[in-house]
Amino acid sequence: MEPTRETEAGLVDLLDRVLEKGLIIHADVVITLAGVPLIGINLKAALANMETMLDYGMFESCTKQEFVTIEKEQKQKEVSVEQEKILVPT
């Protein structure tokens, strides 16, 4: 049996890969008018899921404990929403 490679990758696959591995963008933009530089922009951006950023130490203001606490709170909210009954007048 020969290994095959799936050649079709959709937007969801690309987004999943970017969030899992992370994406770093460094850009320098200079806007000039008649040869005179007017505005200079130095752009640094990182795109990744929170776990990846925490693993690489990129998001220092959020510690792992805060991240775990936020996840627990979200799960509790999801459970409470599932247990509620919605009454719709007919």
C-alpha atoms as a PDB file:
ATOM      1  CA  MET A   1       0.000   0.000   0.000  1.00  0.00           C
ATOM      2  CA  GLU A   2       1.512   3.298  -1.127  1.00  0.00           C
ATOM      3  CA  PRO A   3       1.128   6.372   1.086  1.00  0.00           C
ATOM      4  CA  THR A   4      -0.959   9.088  -0.490  1.00  0.00           C
ATOM      5  CA  ARG A   5      -1.005  12.789   0.128  1.00  0.00           C
ATOM      6  CA  GLU A   6      -4.221  14.730   0.278  1.00  0.00           C
ATOM      7  CA  THR A   7      -3.731  17.730  -1.983  1.00  0.00           C
ATOM      8  CA  GLU A   8      -6.902  19.607  -1.133  1.00  0.00           C
ATOM      9  CA  ALA A   9      -6.558  21.859   1.869  1.00  0.00           C
ATOM     10  CA  GLY A  10      -9.303  24.294   2.731  1.00  0.00           C
ATOM     11  CA  LEU A  11      -9.374  27.523   4.636  1.00  0.00           C
ATOM     12  CA  VAL A  12     -10.248  25.695   7.844  1.00  0.00           C
ATOM     13  CA  ASP A  13      -7.170  23.465   7.500  1.00  0.00           C
ATOM     14  CA  LEU A  14      -4.958  26.505   6.901  1.00  0.00           C
ATOM     15  CA  LEU A  15      -6.400  28.387   9.874  1.00  0.00           C
ATOM     16  CA  ASP A  16      -6.014  25.323  12.105  1.00  0.00           C
ATOM     17  CA  ARG A  17      -2.359  24.992  11.087  1.00  0.00           C
ATOM     18  CA  VAL A  18      -1.640  28.706  11.655  1.00  0.00           C
ATOM     19  CA  LEU A  19      -3.266  28.707  15.094  1.00  0.00           C
ATOM     20  CA  GLU A  20      -1.510  25.483  16.116  1.00  0.00           C
ATOM     21  CA  LYS A  21       1.992  26.465  14.971  1.00  0.00           C
ATOM     22  CA  GLY A  22       1.729  30.254  15.088  1.00  0.00           C
ATOM     23  CA  LEU A  23       2.501  32.993  12.590  1.00  0.00           C
ATOM     24  CA  ILE A  24       4.886  35.924  13.084  1.00  0.00           C
ATOM     25  CA  ILE A  25       4.825  38.993  10.834  1.00  0.00           C
ATOM     26  CA  HIS A  26       7.508  41.708  10.832  1.00  0.00           C
ATOM     27  CA  ALA A  27       6.982  44.549   8.377  1.00  0.00           C
ATOM     28  CA  ASP A  28       8.466  48.005   7.812  1.00  0.00           C
ATOM     29  CA  VAL A  29       6.272  50.363   5.787  1.00  0.00           C
ATOM     30  CA  VAL A  30       7.372  53.824   4.644  1.00  0.00           C
ATOM     31  CA  ILE A  31       4.887  56.165   2.967  1.00  0.00           C
ATOM     32  CA  THR A  32       6.518  58.744   0.753  1.00  0.00           C
ATOM     33  CA  LEU A  33       5.198  61.661  -1.276  1.00  0.00           C
ATOM     34  CA  ALA A  34       7.356  63.133  -4.053  1.00  0.00           C
ATOM     35  CA  GLY A  35      10.391  61.254  -2.729  1.00  0.00           C
ATOM     36  CA  VAL A  36      10.001  62.611   0.814  1.00  0.00           C
ATOM     37  CA  PRO A  37       9.279  60.013   3.519  1.00  0.00           C
ATOM     38  CA  LEU A  38       6.233  61.118   5.513  1.00  0.00           C
ATOM     39  CA  ILE A  39       5.219  58.163   7.672  1.00  0.00           C
ATOM     40  CA  GLY A  40       7.151  55.137   8.867  1.00  0.00           C
ATOM     41  CA  ILE A  41       5.435  52.123  10.407  1.00  0.00           C
ATOM     42  CA  ASN A  42       7.169  49.223  12.119  1.00  0.00           C
ATOM     43  CA  LEU A  43       4.677  46.369  12.445  1.00  0.00           C
ATOM     44  CA  LYS A  44       5.198  43.264  14.549  1.00  0.00           C
ATOM     45  CA  ALA A  45       2.295  40.860  14.889  1.00  0.00           C
ATOM     46  CA  ALA A  46       1.841  37.345  16.234  1.00  0.00           C
ATOM     47  CA  LEU A  47      -1.102  35.088  15.492  1.00  0.00           C
ATOM     48  CA  ALA A  48      -1.491  31.830  17.414  1.00  0.00           C
ATOM     49  CA  ASN A  49      -3.786  30.140  19.888  1.00  0.00           C
ATOM     50  CA  MET A  50      -3.272  30.974  23.564  1.00  0.00           C
ATOM     51  CA  GLU A  51      -1.622  27.651  24.395  1.00  0.00           C
ATOM     52  CA  THR A  52       1.031  28.161  21.711  1.00  0.00           C
ATOM     53  CA  MET A  53       1.700  31.737  22.827  1.00  0.00           C
ATOM     54  CA  LEU A  54       2.052  30.641  26.447  1.00  0.00           C
ATOM     55  CA  ASP A  55       4.398  27.800  25.437  1.00  0.00           C
ATOM     56  CA  TYR A  56       6.707  30.273  23.702  1.00  0.00           C
ATOM     57  CA  GLY A  57       6.394  32.925  26.416  1.00  0.00           C
ATOM     58  CA  MET A  58       4.925  35.456  24.009  1.00  0.00           C
ATOM     59  CA  PHE A  59       1.935  36.532  26.088  1.00  0.00           C
ATOM     60  CA  GLU A  60       3.433  37.391  29.440  1.00  0.00           C
ATOM     61  CA  SER A  61       0.441  39.233  30.894  1.00  0.00           C
ATOM     62  CA  CYS A  62      -1.621  36.029  30.960  1.00  0.00           C
ATOM     63  CA  THR A  63      -0.203  33.244  33.077  1.00  0.00           C
ATOM     64  CA  LYS A  64      -1.086  29.597  32.630  1.00  0.00           C
ATOM     65  CA  GLN A  65      -3.106  29.667  35.867  1.00  0.00           C
ATOM     66  CA  GLU A  66      -5.270  32.515  34.536  1.00  0.00           C
ATOM     67  CA  PHE A  67      -5.757  30.587  31.304  1.00  0.00           C
ATOM     68  CA  VAL A  68      -6.892  27.473  33.209  1.00  0.00           C
ATOM     69  CA  THR A  69      -9.263  29.579  35.323  1.00  0.00           C
ATOM     70  CA  ILE A  70     -10.789  31.166  32.212  1.00  0.00           C
ATOM     71  CA  GLU A  71     -11.316  27.718  30.637  1.00  0.00           C
ATOM     72  CA  LYS A  72     -13.049  26.440  33.795  1.00  0.00           C
ATOM     73  CA  GLU A  73     -15.370  29.468  33.886  1.00  0.00           C
ATOM     74  CA  GLN A  74     -16.309  28.986  30.227  1.00  0.00           C
ATOM     75  CA  LYS A  75     -17.081  25.297  30.788  1.00  0.00           C
ATOM     76  CA  GLN A  76     -19.289  26.166  33.779  1.00  0.00           C
ATOM     77  CA  LYS A  77     -21.206  28.701  31.675  1.00  0.00           C
ATOM     78  CA  GLU A  78     -21.698  26.126  28.895  1.00  0.00           C
ATOM     79  CA  VAL A  79     -23.057  23.574  31.383  1.00  0.00           C
ATOM     80  CA  SER A  80     -25.478  26.096  32.904  1.00  0.00           C
ATOM     81  CA  VAL A  81     -26.730  27.117  29.452  1.00  0.00           C
ATOM     82  CA  GLU A  82     -27.323  23.477  28.490  1.00  0.00           C
ATOM     83  CA  GLN A  83     -29.369  22.872  31.666  1.00  0.00           C
ATOM     84  CA  GLU A  84     -31.632  25.876  31.126  1.00  0.00           C
ATOM     85  CA  LYS A  85     -34.913  25.500  29.299  1.00  0.00           C
ATOM     86  CA  ILE A  86     -36.012  28.127  26.835  1.00  0.00           C
ATOM     87  CA  LEU A  87     -39.732  28.812  26.722  1.00  0.00           C
ATOM     88  CA  VAL A  88     -41.042  30.302  23.494  1.00  0.00           C
ATOM     89  CA  PRO A  89     -44.622  31.600  23.469  1.00  0.00           C
ATOM     90  CA  THR A  90     -46.712  30.247  20.589  1.00  0.00           C
END
